[in-house]
Amino acid sequence: MVFALMRLTEHNYENGKKISLVNSFMIDGVLMVFDRTVYEYADGELSGERHESYYKNQWTCDRKSVYFYRDDKQLSRIEYSVFINGNFSLTEQAEYSYDVHTQKLFSIVNKVSKPQNKWLDKTKTEFVYDAGNLIVQTYFNWNDTINAWKANVKKEFIYNETNSNKVSYKESNFSNNTFVTVLEKEITLDCTYPTENLVLPYETNLPFKVETENIVSAQKSSQYYYSQFTSTGISDLYDSKGLVLYPNPAKDILNVQIPACSSYKIEIYDLTAKPLYLTAWKQSTQTNILRTINTYSFPKGVCILHIITDNRTFSEEIIIK
């Protein structure tokens, strides 16, 4: 078995804080710098992010985010801007609200900018807690027809009463006025795994095993992820990637569900970096975007899927059978 390097992600730190994340891809046998996210800080808090693309031997900023905080250091608002016609244009903002008693995050409301300095509701996420643990996270779309929020996706976390290292995760889509379960996971924290065997970095700071049952494609698989264990809690587990692929392995079609974003593009490469599927930037106003890709002509084996949105970058391995 021979492994080929397809993508390199570099995390750069300074004084204990991440200052940049750089993505490189293997193109025609050469590792090429593709894009990076630059992080800025003020008074010890993250104050902004800049997404920059590498083109013609120079970095060009195409979008940025600015963070605002309350007096108690709780995040209050994020403003998102894109670079258009030589200037940054404010296009979207996220407003954070907290429970007045517990100070836990209660909701995030995303709004889009309209002419005459007006803001229109776009999406909303609400959080419900029990005994300090997140138990329900629900996503909504603003529906202009009924002039109200309409539920879209619900994520539920069920904590094992006899084993605090186990969490059951369930994801449901709202259809025909009810929630229909599409994904279930059993998450097992592995607090005893030897530190010297841990693989870094991973997007959470908790080592865990995930057993996934995809209700839609009737598939079940187990995956093991490890990272430096630095916490005794499980509150960070709800910050999942939000990307759903099915079926995987794929034969004729691949369904790609992308979390909420204003714009995105999709790229699929084989292990020699040959492009199999490329899209230009596409605009979106949906909470979750579902794209169906025809994979009938793809070569059998492993392919690499890259999804780049206005606020995140995803890379996943897919198998064509």
Protein backbone atom coordinates (compact mmCIF):
# COMPACT_ATOMS: atom_id res chain seq x y z
CA MET A 1 0.00 0.00 0.00
CA VAL A 2 1.33 3.42 -1.00
CA PHE A 3 0.03 6.64 0.52
CA ALA A 4 -0.02 9.80 -1.57
CA LEU A 5 -0.03 13.23 0.05
CA MET A 6 -3.09 15.10 -1.23
CA ARG A 7 -3.57 17.94 1.21
CA LEU A 8 -1.51 19.67 3.88
CA THR A 9 -3.04 21.86 6.58
CA GLU A 10 -0.60 23.91 8.67
CA HIS A 11 -1.64 25.43 12.01
CA ASN A 12 0.61 28.32 13.01
CA TYR A 13 0.71 29.65 16.57
CA GLU A 14 2.26 32.64 18.32
CA ASN A 15 2.23 33.21 22.09
CA GLY A 16 -0.20 30.33 22.52
CA LYS A 17 -2.74 31.67 20.01
CA LYS A 18 -3.43 30.40 16.52
CA ILE A 19 -2.45 33.11 14.03
CA SER A 20 -3.10 31.29 10.74
CA LEU A 21 -4.30 28.11 9.10
CA VAL A 22 -2.81 27.38 5.67
CA ASN A 23 -4.19 24.84 3.18
CA SER A 24 -2.05 23.33 0.44
CA PHE A 25 -3.10 20.80 -2.21
CA MET A 26 -1.11 18.43 -4.39
CA ILE A 27 -1.58 19.50 -8.00
CA ASP A 28 0.25 17.58 -10.76
CA GLY A 29 2.70 16.20 -8.22
CA VAL A 30 3.52 19.60 -6.70
CA LEU A 31 2.26 20.78 -3.30
CA MET A 32 0.65 24.15 -3.99
CA VAL A 33 -0.49 26.71 -1.43
CA PHE A 34 -4.21 27.29 -1.94
CA ASP A 35 -5.68 29.51 0.78
CA ARG A 36 -5.31 30.54 4.40
CA THR A 37 -7.25 31.97 7.31
CA VAL A 38 -5.52 34.68 9.35
CA TYR A 39 -6.65 35.28 12.94
CA GLU A 40 -6.38 38.65 14.72
CA TYR A 41 -6.72 39.38 18.44
CA ALA A 42 -7.50 42.38 20.65
CA ASP A 43 -7.49 42.45 24.46
CA GLY A 44 -6.89 38.70 24.48
CA GLU A 45 -10.01 37.92 22.44
CA LEU A 46 -10.36 36.90 18.81
CA SER A 47 -11.21 40.14 17.00
CA GLY A 48 -11.26 39.09 13.37
CA GLU A 49 -10.57 36.51 10.68
CA ARG A 50 -9.43 37.06 7.12
CA HIS A 51 -9.76 34.48 4.38
CA GLU A 52 -7.06 34.90 1.76
CA SER A 53 -6.43 33.07 -1.51
CA TYR A 54 -2.98 32.59 -3.01
CA TYR A 55 -2.94 33.75 -6.62
CA LYS A 56 -0.07 34.84 -8.86
CA ASN A 57 2.44 34.54 -6.00
CA GLN A 58 0.57 36.83 -3.64
CA TRP A 59 -2.13 36.67 -0.98
CA THR A 60 -5.46 38.30 -1.77
CA CYS A 61 -8.15 38.78 0.87
CA ASP A 62 -11.63 37.92 -0.43
CA ARG A 63 -13.68 37.96 2.77
CA LYS A 64 -13.35 38.80 6.45
CA SER A 65 -15.16 38.49 9.77
CA VAL A 66 -15.12 41.00 12.65
CA TYR A 67 -16.02 39.95 16.22
CA PHE A 68 -17.74 42.14 18.84
CA TYR A 69 -18.04 41.40 22.57
CA ARG A 70 -20.15 42.47 25.52
CA ASP A 71 -18.62 44.01 28.62
CA ASP A 72 -18.49 40.55 30.23
CA LYS A 73 -16.43 39.23 27.26
CA GLN A 74 -19.34 37.22 25.85
CA LEU A 75 -19.49 37.27 22.05
CA SER A 76 -22.33 39.54 20.94
CA ARG A 77 -22.02 39.84 17.15
CA ILE A 78 -20.00 38.76 14.13
CA GLU A 79 -20.01 40.83 10.95
CA TYR A 80 -19.17 39.16 7.63
CA SER A 81 -17.88 41.12 4.64
CA VAL A 82 -16.79 40.17 1.12
CA PHE A 83 -14.37 42.02 -1.13
CA ILE A 84 -16.28 43.41 -4.14
CA ASN A 85 -15.10 46.00 -6.67
CA GLY A 86 -12.12 47.06 -4.59
CA ASN A 87 -13.98 47.45 -1.28
CA PHE A 88 -15.29 45.30 1.56
CA SER A 89 -19.07 45.08 1.55
CA LEU A 90 -20.92 44.05 4.72
CA THR A 91 -23.19 41.18 3.65
CA GLU A 92 -24.23 39.27 6.76
CA GLN A 93 -24.10 39.35 10.54
CA ALA A 94 -24.72 36.89 13.37
CA GLU A 95 -26.26 38.12 16.62
CA TYR A 96 -25.65 36.13 19.82
CA SER A 97 -28.03 36.15 22.79
CA TYR A 98 -27.67 34.49 26.19
CA ASP A 99 -29.89 33.22 28.98
CA VAL A 100 -30.16 35.99 31.58
CA HIS A 101 -29.81 33.53 34.47
CA THR A 102 -27.22 30.98 33.33
CA GLN A 103 -25.43 33.17 30.73
CA LYS A 104 -25.34 30.17 28.41
CA LEU A 105 -25.77 30.76 24.70
CA PHE A 106 -29.50 30.86 23.92
CA SER A 107 -29.65 31.68 20.20
CA ILE A 108 -27.70 32.82 17.14
CA VAL A 109 -29.63 34.82 14.55
CA ASN A 110 -28.07 35.32 11.11
CA LYS A 111 -29.20 38.33 9.10
CA VAL A 112 -28.42 39.43 5.56
CA SER A 113 -27.81 43.01 4.50
CA LYS A 114 -30.27 44.78 2.22
CA PRO A 115 -30.23 48.29 0.68
CA GLN A 116 -30.98 51.32 2.87
CA ASN A 117 -29.05 49.72 5.77
CA LYS A 118 -31.79 47.19 6.43
CA TRP A 119 -31.20 43.73 7.86
CA LEU A 120 -33.43 40.75 7.09
CA ASP A 121 -33.61 37.58 9.19
CA LYS A 122 -32.10 34.57 7.41
CA THR A 123 -31.39 31.68 9.79
CA LYS A 124 -31.54 31.02 13.51
CA THR A 125 -30.05 28.43 15.85
CA GLU A 126 -31.56 27.82 19.30
CA PHE A 127 -29.94 25.92 22.18
CA VAL A 128 -31.57 24.05 25.09
CA TYR A 129 -29.66 22.86 28.15
CA ASP A 130 -30.29 20.47 31.04
CA ALA A 131 -28.07 20.38 34.14
CA GLY A 132 -25.52 22.47 32.27
CA ASN A 133 -25.30 20.14 29.27
CA LEU A 134 -26.51 20.98 25.78
CA ILE A 135 -29.41 18.63 24.93
CA VAL A 136 -31.08 20.19 21.85
CA GLN A 137 -29.78 22.40 19.05
CA THR A 138 -32.41 23.44 16.48
CA TYR A 139 -31.91 25.28 13.19
CA PHE A 140 -34.57 27.52 11.62
CA ASN A 141 -35.09 29.33 8.30
CA TRP A 142 -37.00 32.60 8.06
CA ASN A 143 -40.06 32.02 5.88
CA ASP A 144 -41.29 35.15 4.13
CA THR A 145 -44.57 33.48 3.15
CA ILE A 146 -45.73 32.84 6.71
CA ASN A 147 -43.61 35.67 8.12
CA ALA A 148 -42.18 33.41 10.82
CA TRP A 149 -39.34 31.01 11.61
CA LYS A 150 -39.66 27.50 10.19
CA ALA A 151 -37.72 24.60 11.73
CA ASN A 152 -35.22 22.83 9.49
CA VAL A 153 -32.82 20.55 11.41
CA LYS A 154 -32.68 19.39 15.02
CA LYS A 155 -29.67 17.89 16.82
CA GLU A 156 -30.19 16.05 20.10
CA PHE A 157 -27.66 14.92 22.72
CA ILE A 158 -28.63 12.19 25.19
CA TYR A 159 -26.27 11.68 28.10
CA ASN A 160 -25.77 8.24 29.62
CA GLU A 161 -26.83 8.30 33.27
CA THR A 162 -24.54 5.42 34.27
CA ASN A 163 -21.53 6.23 32.08
CA SER A 164 -20.57 9.90 31.78
CA ASN A 165 -18.18 9.06 28.93
CA LYS A 166 -21.03 8.11 26.57
CA VAL A 167 -23.23 10.49 24.60
CA SER A 168 -25.90 9.55 22.04
CA TYR A 169 -26.33 12.00 19.17
CA LYS A 170 -29.38 12.16 16.92
CA GLU A 171 -29.99 14.42 13.92
CA SER A 172 -33.45 14.98 12.42
CA ASN A 173 -34.81 16.89 9.43
CA PHE A 174 -38.13 18.73 9.60
CA SER A 175 -40.51 17.30 6.99
CA ASN A 176 -44.32 17.33 6.72
CA ASN A 177 -44.63 19.18 10.03
CA THR A 178 -42.60 16.66 11.99
CA PHE A 179 -38.94 15.80 12.67
CA VAL A 180 -37.65 12.68 10.90
CA THR A 181 -34.43 11.07 12.18
CA VAL A 182 -31.73 10.78 9.50
CA LEU A 183 -28.55 10.21 11.52
CA GLU A 184 -27.60 8.64 14.84
CA LYS A 185 -24.20 8.51 16.56
CA GLU A 186 -22.90 6.89 19.70
CA ILE A 187 -20.02 8.98 21.04
CA THR A 188 -17.66 7.37 23.55
CA LEU A 189 -15.05 9.52 25.27
CA ASP A 190 -11.79 7.62 25.66
CA CYS A 191 -10.14 9.38 28.60
CA THR A 192 -7.70 6.51 29.28
CA TYR A 193 -6.07 6.33 25.84
CA PRO A 194 -2.25 6.73 26.19
CA THR A 195 -1.18 10.30 25.48
CA GLU A 196 1.87 9.19 23.50
CA ASN A 197 -0.43 7.44 20.99
CA LEU A 198 -2.67 10.41 20.29
CA VAL A 199 -2.83 11.85 16.79
CA LEU A 200 -2.90 15.66 16.59
CA PRO A 201 -4.53 17.91 15.72
CA TYR A 202 -8.23 17.12 15.58
CA GLU A 203 -11.00 19.68 15.62
CA THR A 204 -12.08 18.94 19.18
CA ASN A 205 -9.81 18.54 22.20
CA LEU A 206 -11.49 15.32 23.32
CA PRO A 207 -10.48 11.80 22.26
CA PHE A 208 -13.55 9.82 21.26
CA LYS A 209 -14.96 6.97 19.21
CA VAL A 210 -17.93 7.67 16.93
CA GLU A 211 -20.28 4.93 15.75
CA THR A 212 -22.53 6.33 13.03
CA GLU A 213 -25.77 4.92 11.67
CA ASN A 214 -26.98 6.74 8.57
CA ILE A 215 -30.71 6.11 8.45
CA VAL A 216 -31.04 7.37 4.86
CA SER A 217 -28.48 5.04 3.31
CA ALA A 218 -28.84 2.20 5.88
CA GLN A 219 -25.10 2.13 6.56
CA LYS A 220 -23.24 1.89 9.84
CA SER A 221 -19.54 2.51 10.43
CA SER A 222 -17.17 3.13 13.32
CA GLN A 223 -14.46 5.77 13.32
CA TYR A 224 -11.85 6.57 15.93
CA TYR A 225 -10.45 10.05 16.47
CA TYR A 226 -7.92 11.06 19.09
CA SER A 227 -6.62 14.37 20.30
CA GLN A 228 -4.83 15.72 23.35
CA PHE A 229 -7.26 15.36 26.28
CA THR A 230 -7.37 18.71 28.06
CA SER A 231 -10.93 18.84 29.37
CA THR A 232 -13.17 16.88 31.73
CA GLY A 233 -16.40 18.10 30.16
CA ILE A 234 -18.28 17.34 26.98
CA SER A 235 -19.78 20.71 26.20
CA ASP A 236 -17.67 21.19 23.03
CA LEU A 237 -19.00 18.11 21.27
CA TYR A 238 -21.94 19.92 19.68
CA ASP A 239 -19.61 21.96 17.48
CA SER A 240 -19.61 19.33 14.73
CA LYS A 241 -18.72 19.98 11.14
CA GLY A 242 -22.31 19.79 9.96
CA LEU A 243 -21.34 18.22 6.60
CA VAL A 244 -23.36 15.13 5.56
CA LEU A 245 -22.38 12.76 2.70
CA TYR A 246 -24.45 9.78 1.56
CA PRO A 247 -24.16 7.16 0.34
CA ASN A 248 -20.47 6.62 0.98
CA PRO A 249 -19.26 4.39 -0.64
CA ALA A 250 -21.07 5.82 -3.67
CA LYS A 251 -21.87 4.10 -6.95
CA ASP A 252 -23.95 6.32 -9.24
CA ILE A 253 -24.72 9.39 -7.12
CA LEU A 254 -23.36 11.20 -4.09
CA ASN A 255 -25.57 13.46 -1.99
CA VAL A 256 -23.75 16.35 -0.32
CA GLN A 257 -25.49 18.36 2.41
CA ILE A 258 -23.58 21.57 3.16
CA PRO A 259 -24.26 23.59 6.33
CA ALA A 260 -25.61 27.15 6.11
CA CYS A 261 -23.49 29.55 4.08
CA SER A 262 -23.87 32.50 1.72
CA SER A 263 -21.76 30.98 -1.06
CA TYR A 264 -19.87 27.75 -1.76
CA LYS A 265 -18.04 25.68 -4.34
CA ILE A 266 -17.41 21.93 -4.64
CA GLU A 267 -14.29 20.17 -5.93
CA ILE A 268 -13.57 16.45 -6.26
CA TYR A 269 -10.14 15.03 -7.17
CA ASP A 270 -8.72 11.54 -7.59
CA LEU A 271 -5.54 10.52 -5.76
CA THR A 272 -3.36 11.88 -8.59
CA ALA A 273 -4.98 15.32 -8.10
CA LYS A 274 -6.89 14.99 -11.37
CA PRO A 275 -10.11 17.02 -11.11
CA LEU A 276 -13.26 14.91 -11.46
CA TYR A 277 -15.90 17.50 -10.55
CA LEU A 278 -15.54 21.26 -10.21
CA THR A 279 -18.12 23.99 -9.63
CA ALA A 280 -17.77 27.75 -9.68
CA TRP A 281 -18.82 29.81 -6.67
CA LYS A 282 -22.58 29.48 -6.09
CA GLN A 283 -24.79 31.75 -4.01
CA SER A 284 -27.09 30.27 -1.36
CA THR A 285 -29.68 31.50 1.10
CA GLN A 286 -30.51 28.06 2.52
CA THR A 287 -29.78 26.74 6.00
CA ASN A 288 -28.62 23.42 4.57
CA ILE A 289 -27.76 23.00 0.89
CA LEU A 290 -28.33 19.56 -0.68
CA ARG A 291 -26.44 18.81 -3.91
CA THR A 292 -26.65 15.52 -5.83
CA ILE A 293 -23.52 14.66 -7.83
CA ASN A 294 -23.48 12.06 -10.62
CA THR A 295 -20.50 9.78 -9.86
CA TYR A 296 -21.23 7.12 -12.51
CA SER A 297 -18.20 8.08 -14.61
CA PHE A 298 -15.80 8.48 -11.67
CA PRO A 299 -12.96 5.94 -11.40
CA LYS A 300 -13.43 3.30 -8.70
CA GLY A 301 -11.49 3.88 -5.51
CA VAL A 302 -10.79 6.78 -3.18
CA CYS A 303 -11.48 10.40 -4.13
CA ILE A 304 -11.01 13.63 -2.21
CA LEU A 305 -13.93 16.04 -1.82
CA HIS A 306 -13.22 19.71 -1.07
CA ILE A 307 -16.03 22.10 -0.17
CA ILE A 308 -15.15 25.75 0.29
CA THR A 309 -17.79 28.09 1.73
CA ASP A 310 -17.76 31.73 2.71
CA ASN A 311 -16.89 30.78 6.29
CA ARG A 312 -15.34 27.29 6.30
CA THR A 313 -13.41 24.70 4.31
CA PHE A 314 -14.22 20.97 4.37
CA SER A 315 -12.20 18.05 3.05
CA GLU A 316 -13.58 14.51 3.09
CA GLU A 317 -12.58 11.16 1.62
CA ILE A 318 -15.21 9.41 -0.51
CA ILE A 319 -15.13 5.93 -1.99
CA ILE A 320 -16.45 5.13 -5.46
CA LYS A 321 -17.46 1.51 -5.94
